[in-house]
Amino acid sequence: MARQKHMVSLEEVLSAIEMAKEKVIADEVHSMTKMGVPKAMAYEMVVARFGQKVSSSELDSYEDAFDTGVADWSEL
């Protein structure tokens, strides 16, 4: 019985790698936010760890990095 080789295009491979990277980043951000780190700050830290550049449009979808809901630092 001859096995057929399934050919995968380069675009499909690159797309799969990109989707996996985004999933890992999202999981890391989720973990950090569970520990109390603001989403935007967590996103910046994770993206920096992966050597990615953060655009301002990407950060617009996240809350302000220093928006903790606390009026001032003395309340912490």
PDB file of N, CA and C in Angstrom:
ATOM      1  N   MET A   1       0.843  -1.176   0.000  1.00  0.00           N
ATOM      2  CA  MET A   1       0.000   0.000   0.000  1.00  0.00           C
ATOM      3  C   MET A   1       0.893   1.246   0.000  1.00  0.00           C
ATOM      4  N   ALA A   2       0.762   2.038  -1.007  1.00  0.00           N
ATOM      5  CA  ALA A   2       1.571   3.242  -1.150  1.00  0.00           C
ATOM      6  C   ALA A   2       0.946   4.380  -0.341  1.00  0.00           C
ATOM      7  N   ARG A   3       1.791   5.109   0.349  1.00  0.00           N
ATOM      8  CA  ARG A   3       1.316   6.263   1.120  1.00  0.00           C
ATOM      9  C   ARG A   3       1.420   7.509   0.273  1.00  0.00           C
ATOM     10  N   GLN A   4       0.397   8.304   0.314  1.00  0.00           N
ATOM     11  CA  GLN A   4       0.432   9.575  -0.394  1.00  0.00           C
ATOM     12  C   GLN A   4       1.046  10.624   0.519  1.00  0.00           C
ATOM     13  N   LYS A   5       1.875  11.429  -0.068  1.00  0.00           N
ATOM     14  CA  LYS A   5       2.460  12.529   0.699  1.00  0.00           C
ATOM     15  C   LYS A   5       1.530  13.727   0.593  1.00  0.00           C
ATOM     16  N   HIS A   6       1.254  14.298   1.739  1.00  0.00           N
ATOM     17  CA  HIS A   6       0.420  15.499   1.763  1.00  0.00           C
ATOM     18  C   HIS A   6       1.332  16.708   1.678  1.00  0.00           C
ATOM     19  N   MET A   7       1.175  17.474   0.664  1.00  0.00           N
ATOM     20  CA  MET A   7       2.003  18.670   0.485  1.00  0.00           C
ATOM     21  C   MET A   7       1.334  19.854   1.179  1.00  0.00           C
ATOM     22  N   VAL A   8       2.123  20.585   1.882  1.00  0.00           N
ATOM     23  CA  VAL A   8       1.649  21.761   2.592  1.00  0.00           C
ATOM     24  C   VAL A   8       2.370  22.965   2.024  1.00  0.00           C
ATOM     25  N   SER A   9       1.616  24.021   1.783  1.00  0.00           N
ATOM     26  CA  SER A   9       2.238  25.226   1.226  1.00  0.00           C
ATOM     27  C   SER A   9       2.990  25.983   2.308  1.00  0.00           C
ATOM     28  N   LEU A  10       3.908  26.785   1.887  1.00  0.00           N
ATOM     29  CA  LEU A  10       4.681  27.611   2.807  1.00  0.00           C
ATOM     30  C   LEU A  10       3.766  28.559   3.574  1.00  0.00           C
ATOM     31  N   GLU A  11       2.759  29.082   2.910  1.00  0.00           N
ATOM     32  CA  GLU A  11       1.817  29.995   3.566  1.00  0.00           C
ATOM     33  C   GLU A  11       1.070  29.298   4.699  1.00  0.00           C
ATOM     34  N   GLU A  12       0.715  28.019   4.503  1.00  0.00           N
ATOM     35  CA  GLU A  12       0.023  27.266   5.546  1.00  0.00           C
ATOM     36  C   GLU A  12       0.934  27.040   6.755  1.00  0.00           C
ATOM     37  N   VAL A  13       2.184  26.758   6.506  1.00  0.00           N
ATOM     38  CA  VAL A  13       3.146  26.563   7.598  1.00  0.00           C
ATOM     39  C   VAL A  13       3.344  27.860   8.364  1.00  0.00           C
ATOM     40  N   LEU A  14       3.547  28.954   7.638  1.00  0.00           N
ATOM     41  CA  LEU A  14       3.736  30.249   8.297  1.00  0.00           C
ATOM     42  C   LEU A  14       2.496  30.662   9.081  1.00  0.00           C
ATOM     43  N   SER A  15       1.334  30.393   8.532  1.00  0.00           N
ATOM     44  CA  SER A  15       0.086  30.713   9.218  1.00  0.00           C
ATOM     45  C   SER A  15      -0.052  29.901  10.507  1.00  0.00           C
ATOM     46  N   ALA A  16       0.291  28.632  10.451  1.00  0.00           N
ATOM     47  CA  ALA A  16       0.217  27.781  11.646  1.00  0.00           C
ATOM     48  C   ALA A  16       1.190  28.255  12.720  1.00  0.00           C
ATOM     49  N   ILE A  17       2.384  28.657  12.310  1.00  0.00           N
ATOM     50  CA  ILE A  17       3.377  29.159  13.266  1.00  0.00           C
ATOM     51  C   ILE A  17       2.882  30.451  13.903  1.00  0.00           C
ATOM     52  N   GLU A  18       2.335  31.342  13.097  1.00  0.00           N
ATOM     53  CA  GLU A  18       1.821  32.618  13.609  1.00  0.00           C
ATOM     54  C   GLU A  18       0.668  32.390  14.581  1.00  0.00           C
ATOM     55  N   MET A  19      -0.231  31.480  14.249  1.00  0.00           N
ATOM     56  CA  MET A  19      -1.360  31.187  15.142  1.00  0.00           C
ATOM     57  C   MET A  19      -0.879  30.593  16.459  1.00  0.00           C
ATOM     58  N   ALA A  20       0.116  29.725  16.404  1.00  0.00           N
ATOM     59  CA  ALA A  20       0.662  29.132  17.624  1.00  0.00           C
ATOM     60  C   ALA A  20       1.329  30.194  18.490  1.00  0.00           C
ATOM     61  N   LYS A  21       2.073  31.106  17.854  1.00  0.00           N
ATOM     62  CA  LYS A  21       2.732  32.182  18.598  1.00  0.00           C
ATOM     63  C   LYS A  21       1.696  33.075  19.283  1.00  0.00           C
ATOM     64  N   GLU A  22       0.629  33.420  18.565  1.00  0.00           N
ATOM     65  CA  GLU A  22      -0.415  34.253  19.144  1.00  0.00           C
ATOM     66  C   GLU A  22      -1.108  33.556  20.309  1.00  0.00           C
ATOM     67  N   LYS A  23      -1.290  32.250  20.199  1.00  0.00           N
ATOM     68  CA  LYS A  23      -1.913  31.478  21.281  1.00  0.00           C
ATOM     69  C   LYS A  23      -1.025  31.476  22.515  1.00  0.00           C
ATOM     70  N   VAL A  24       0.267  31.284  22.331  1.00  0.00           N
ATOM     71  CA  VAL A  24       1.203  31.291  23.457  1.00  0.00           C
ATOM     72  C   VAL A  24       1.211  32.661  24.125  1.00  0.00           C
ATOM     73  N   ILE A  25       1.253  33.724  23.329  1.00  0.00           N
ATOM     74  CA  ILE A  25       1.238  35.085  23.871  1.00  0.00           C
ATOM     75  C   ILE A  25      -0.047  35.319  24.652  1.00  0.00           C
ATOM     76  N   ALA A  26      -1.193  34.934  24.086  1.00  0.00           N
ATOM     77  CA  ALA A  26      -2.471  35.119  24.772  1.00  0.00           C
ATOM     78  C   ALA A  26      -2.516  34.348  26.080  1.00  0.00           C
ATOM     79  N   ASP A  27      -1.994  33.129  26.092  1.00  0.00           N
ATOM     80  CA  ASP A  27      -1.971  32.338  27.324  1.00  0.00           C
ATOM     81  C   ASP A  27      -1.078  32.973  28.385  1.00  0.00           C
ATOM     82  N   GLU A  28       0.073  33.492  27.960  1.00  0.00           N
ATOM     83  CA  GLU A  28       0.987  34.149  28.898  1.00  0.00           C
ATOM     84  C   GLU A  28       0.350  35.408  29.481  1.00  0.00           C
ATOM     85  N   VAL A  29      -0.296  36.215  28.632  1.00  0.00           N
ATOM     86  CA  VAL A  29      -0.958  37.436  29.099  1.00  0.00           C
ATOM     87  C   VAL A  29      -2.065  37.064  30.076  1.00  0.00           C
ATOM     88  N   HIS A  30      -2.829  36.040  29.751  1.00  0.00           N
ATOM     89  CA  HIS A  30      -3.909  35.603  30.637  1.00  0.00           C
ATOM     90  C   HIS A  30      -3.354  35.188  32.004  1.00  0.00           C
ATOM     91  N   SER A  31      -2.270  34.448  31.999  1.00  0.00           N
ATOM     92  CA  SER A  31      -1.652  34.017  33.258  1.00  0.00           C
ATOM     93  C   SER A  31      -1.184  35.203  34.087  1.00  0.00           C
ATOM     94  N   MET A  32      -0.586  36.177  33.424  1.00  0.00           N
ATOM     95  CA  MET A  32      -0.079  37.348  34.156  1.00  0.00           C
ATOM     96  C   MET A  32      -1.216  38.198  34.702  1.00  0.00           C
ATOM     97  N   THR A  33      -2.311  38.318  33.948  1.00  0.00           N
ATOM     98  CA  THR A  33      -3.436  39.110  34.445  1.00  0.00           C
ATOM     99  C   THR A  33      -4.094  38.431  35.638  1.00  0.00           C
ATOM    100  N   LYS A  34      -4.045  37.095  35.687  1.00  0.00           N
ATOM    101  CA  LYS A  34      -4.573  36.380  36.854  1.00  0.00           C
ATOM    102  C   LYS A  34      -3.748  36.687  38.096  1.00  0.00           C
ATOM    103  N   MET A  35      -2.471  37.064  37.895  1.00  0.00           N
ATOM    104  CA  MET A  35      -1.612  37.419  39.029  1.00  0.00           C
ATOM    105  C   MET A  35      -1.731  38.895  39.384  1.00  0.00           C
ATOM    106  N   GLY A  36      -2.564  39.635  38.654  1.00  0.00           N
ATOM    107  CA  GLY A  36      -2.804  41.031  38.983  1.00  0.00           C
ATOM    108  C   GLY A  36      -2.079  42.044  38.121  1.00  0.00           C
ATOM    109  N   VAL A  37      -1.349  41.604  37.116  1.00  0.00           N
ATOM    110  CA  VAL A  37      -0.657  42.531  36.222  1.00  0.00           C
ATOM    111  C   VAL A  37      -1.677  43.083  35.229  1.00  0.00           C
ATOM    112  N   PRO A  38      -1.737  44.397  35.027  1.00  0.00           N
ATOM    113  CA  PRO A  38      -2.658  44.958  34.038  1.00  0.00           C
ATOM    114  C   PRO A  38      -2.397  44.365  32.650  1.00  0.00           C
ATOM    115  N   LYS A  39      -3.479  44.190  31.871  1.00  0.00           N
ATOM    116  CA  LYS A  39      -3.377  43.516  30.578  1.00  0.00           C
ATOM    117  C   LYS A  39      -2.362  44.140  29.635  1.00  0.00           C
ATOM    118  N   ALA A  40      -2.398  45.448  29.487  1.00  0.00           N
ATOM    119  CA  ALA A  40      -1.486  46.108  28.541  1.00  0.00           C
ATOM    120  C   ALA A  40      -0.032  45.926  28.968  1.00  0.00           C
ATOM    121  N   MET A  41       0.217  46.012  30.265  1.00  0.00           N
ATOM    122  CA  MET A  41       1.576  45.826  30.754  1.00  0.00           C
ATOM    123  C   MET A  41       2.022  44.381  30.536  1.00  0.00           C
ATOM    124  N   ALA A  42       1.143  43.436  30.817  1.00  0.00           N
ATOM    125  CA  ALA A  42       1.462  42.024  30.608  1.00  0.00           C
ATOM    126  C   ALA A  42       1.742  41.762  29.132  1.00  0.00           C
ATOM    127  N   TYR A  43       0.927  42.334  28.264  1.00  0.00           N
ATOM    128  CA  TYR A  43       1.107  42.153  26.824  1.00  0.00           C
ATOM    129  C   TYR A  43       2.460  42.691  26.373  1.00  0.00           C
ATOM    130  N   GLU A  44       2.813  43.882  26.837  1.00  0.00           N
ATOM    131  CA  GLU A  44       4.104  44.466  26.472  1.00  0.00           C
ATOM    132  C   GLU A  44       5.260  43.597  26.954  1.00  0.00           C
ATOM    133  N   MET A  45       5.148  43.063  28.178  1.00  0.00           N
ATOM    134  CA  MET A  45       6.220  42.227  28.731  1.00  0.00           C
ATOM    135  C   MET A  45       6.369  40.929  27.941  1.00  0.00           C
ATOM    136  N   VAL A  46       5.260  40.294  27.622  1.00  0.00           N
ATOM    137  CA  VAL A  46       5.297  39.027  26.895  1.00  0.00           C
ATOM    138  C   VAL A  46       5.809  39.238  25.479  1.00  0.00           C
ATOM    139  N   VAL A  47       5.324  40.269  24.825  1.00  0.00           N
ATOM    140  CA  VAL A  47       5.753  40.540  23.456  1.00  0.00           C
ATOM    141  C   VAL A  47       7.243  40.875  23.428  1.00  0.00           C
ATOM    142  N   ALA A  48       7.721  41.597  24.424  1.00  0.00           N
ATOM    143  CA  ALA A  48       9.150  41.910  24.494  1.00  0.00           C
ATOM    144  C   ALA A  48       9.974  40.634  24.667  1.00  0.00           C
ATOM    145  N   ARG A  49       9.456  39.705  25.448  1.00  0.00           N
ATOM    146  CA  ARG A  49      10.153  38.438  25.661  1.00  0.00           C
ATOM    147  C   ARG A  49      10.259  37.639  24.366  1.00  0.00           C
ATOM    148  N   PHE A  50       9.246  37.752  23.521  1.00  0.00           N
ATOM    149  CA  PHE A  50       9.263  37.043  22.248  1.00  0.00           C
ATOM    150  C   PHE A  50       9.975  37.834  21.157  1.00  0.00           C
ATOM    151  N   GLY A  51      10.480  39.012  21.490  1.00  0.00           N
ATOM    152  CA  GLY A  51      11.220  39.818  20.522  1.00  0.00           C
ATOM    153  C   GLY A  51      10.339  40.438  19.461  1.00  0.00           C
ATOM    154  N   GLN A  52       9.078  40.668  19.777  1.00  0.00           N
ATOM    155  CA  GLN A  52       8.152  41.260  18.827  1.00  0.00           C
ATOM    156  C   GLN A  52       8.047  42.754  19.092  1.00  0.00           C
ATOM    157  N   LYS A  53       7.704  43.486  18.053  1.00  0.00           N
ATOM    158  CA  LYS A  53       7.473  44.919  18.210  1.00  0.00           C
ATOM    159  C   LYS A  53       5.993  45.140  18.499  1.00  0.00           C
ATOM    160  N   VAL A  54       5.720  46.047  19.422  1.00  0.00           N
ATOM    161  CA  VAL A  54       4.353  46.350  19.806  1.00  0.00           C
ATOM    162  C   VAL A  54       3.940  47.644  19.119  1.00  0.00           C
ATOM    163  N   SER A  55       2.850  47.587  18.357  1.00  0.00           N
ATOM    164  CA  SER A  55       2.354  48.800  17.723  1.00  0.00           C
ATOM    165  C   SER A  55       1.304  49.426  18.629  1.00  0.00           C
ATOM    166  N   SER A  56       1.095  50.699  18.466  1.00  0.00           N
ATOM    167  CA  SER A  56       0.125  51.389  19.316  1.00  0.00           C
ATOM    168  C   SER A  56      -1.291  50.890  19.040  1.00  0.00           C
ATOM    169  N   SER A  57      -1.563  50.454  17.819  1.00  0.00           N
ATOM    170  CA  SER A  57      -2.904  49.947  17.521  1.00  0.00           C
ATOM    171  C   SER A  57      -3.170  48.641  18.269  1.00  0.00           C
ATOM    172  N   GLU A  58      -2.139  47.816  18.471  1.00  0.00           N
ATOM    173  CA  GLU A  58      -2.310  46.583  19.234  1.00  0.00           C
ATOM    174  C   GLU A  58      -2.606  46.904  20.691  1.00  0.00           C
ATOM    175  N   LEU A  59      -1.943  47.917  21.217  1.00  0.00           N
ATOM    176  CA  LEU A  59      -2.140  48.265  22.623  1.00  0.00           C
ATOM    177  C   LEU A  59      -3.486  48.931  22.859  1.00  0.00           C
ATOM    178  N   ASP A  60      -4.063  49.541  21.823  1.00  0.00           N
ATOM    179  CA  ASP A  60      -5.357  50.187  21.987  1.00  0.00           C
ATOM    180  C   ASP A  60      -6.440  49.200  22.405  1.00  0.00           C
ATOM    181  N   SER A  61      -6.262  47.940  22.052  1.00  0.00           N
ATOM    182  CA  SER A  61      -7.263  46.946  22.415  1.00  0.00           C
ATOM    183  C   SER A  61      -7.128  46.495  23.865  1.00  0.00           C
ATOM    184  N   TYR A  62      -6.068  46.877  24.512  1.00  0.00           N
ATOM    185  CA  TYR A  62      -5.861  46.514  25.906  1.00  0.00           C
ATOM    186  C   TYR A  62      -6.066  47.750  26.773  1.00  0.00           C
ATOM    187  N   GLU A  63      -6.347  47.522  28.048  1.00  0.00           N
ATOM    188  CA  GLU A  63      -6.529  48.636  28.970  1.00  0.00           C
ATOM    189  C   GLU A  63      -5.196  49.330  29.230  1.00  0.00           C
ATOM    190  N   ASP A  64      -5.255  50.520  29.761  1.00  0.00           N
ATOM    191  CA  ASP A  64      -4.049  51.289  30.060  1.00  0.00           C
ATOM    192  C   ASP A  64      -3.136  50.504  30.988  1.00  0.00           C
ATOM    193  N   ALA A  65      -1.850  50.531  30.703  1.00  0.00           N
ATOM    194  CA  ALA A  65      -0.877  49.735  31.464  1.00  0.00           C
ATOM    195  C   ALA A  65      -0.881  50.060  32.949  1.00  0.00           C
ATOM    196  N   PHE A  66      -1.179  51.286  33.291  1.00  0.00           N
ATOM    197  CA  PHE A  66      -1.146  51.678  34.687  1.00  0.00           C
ATOM    198  C   PHE A  66      -2.532  51.923  35.257  1.00  0.00           C
ATOM    199  N   ASP A  67      -3.554  51.448  34.571  1.00  0.00           N
ATOM    200  CA  ASP A  67      -4.917  51.599  35.042  1.00  0.00           C
ATOM    201  C   ASP A  67      -5.261  50.437  35.965  1.00  0.00           C
ATOM    202  N   THR A  68      -5.028  50.642  37.242  1.00  0.00           N
ATOM    203  CA  THR A  68      -5.290  49.575  38.215  1.00  0.00           C
ATOM    204  C   THR A  68      -6.585  49.810  38.964  1.00  0.00           C
ATOM    205  N   GLY A  69      -7.245  50.932  38.696  1.00  0.00           N
ATOM    206  CA  GLY A  69      -8.476  51.237  39.410  1.00  0.00           C
ATOM    207  C   GLY A  69      -8.227  51.849  40.774  1.00  0.00           C
ATOM    208  N   VAL A  70      -6.983  52.124  41.110  1.00  0.00           N
ATOM    209  CA  VAL A  70      -6.618  52.715  42.386  1.00  0.00           C
ATOM    210  C   VAL A  70      -6.358  54.211  42.151  1.00  0.00           C
ATOM    211  N   ALA A  71      -6.925  55.037  43.023  1.00  0.00           N
ATOM    212  CA  ALA A  71      -6.787  56.481  42.838  1.00  0.00           C
ATOM    213  C   ALA A  71      -5.335  56.927  42.885  1.00  0.00           C
ATOM    214  N   ASP A  72      -4.566  56.468  43.873  1.00  0.00           N
ATOM    215  CA  ASP A  72      -3.147  56.782  43.920  1.00  0.00           C
ATOM    216  C   ASP A  72      -2.385  55.629  44.572  1.00  0.00           C
ATOM    217  N   TRP A  73      -1.083  55.684  44.495  1.00  0.00           N
ATOM    218  CA  TRP A  73      -0.256  54.574  44.960  1.00  0.00           C
ATOM    219  C   TRP A  73      -0.331  54.358  46.463  1.00  0.00           C
ATOM    220  N   SER A  74      -0.693  55.385  47.236  1.00  0.00           N
ATOM    221  CA  SER A  74      -0.747  55.250  48.690  1.00  0.00           C
ATOM    222  C   SER A  74      -1.864  54.278  49.117  1.00  0.00           C
ATOM    223  N   GLU A  75      -2.843  54.042  48.255  1.00  0.00           N
ATOM    224  CA  GLU A  75      -3.918  53.135  48.573  1.00  0.00           C
ATOM    225  C   GLU A  75      -3.517  51.681  48.402  1.00  0.00           C
ATOM    226  N   LEU A  76      -2.376  51.434  47.772  1.00  0.00           N
ATOM    227  CA  LEU A  76      -1.911  50.059  47.596  1.00  0.00           C
ATOM    228  C   LEU A  76      -1.335  49.606  48.873  1.00  0.00           C
TER     229      LEU A  76
END
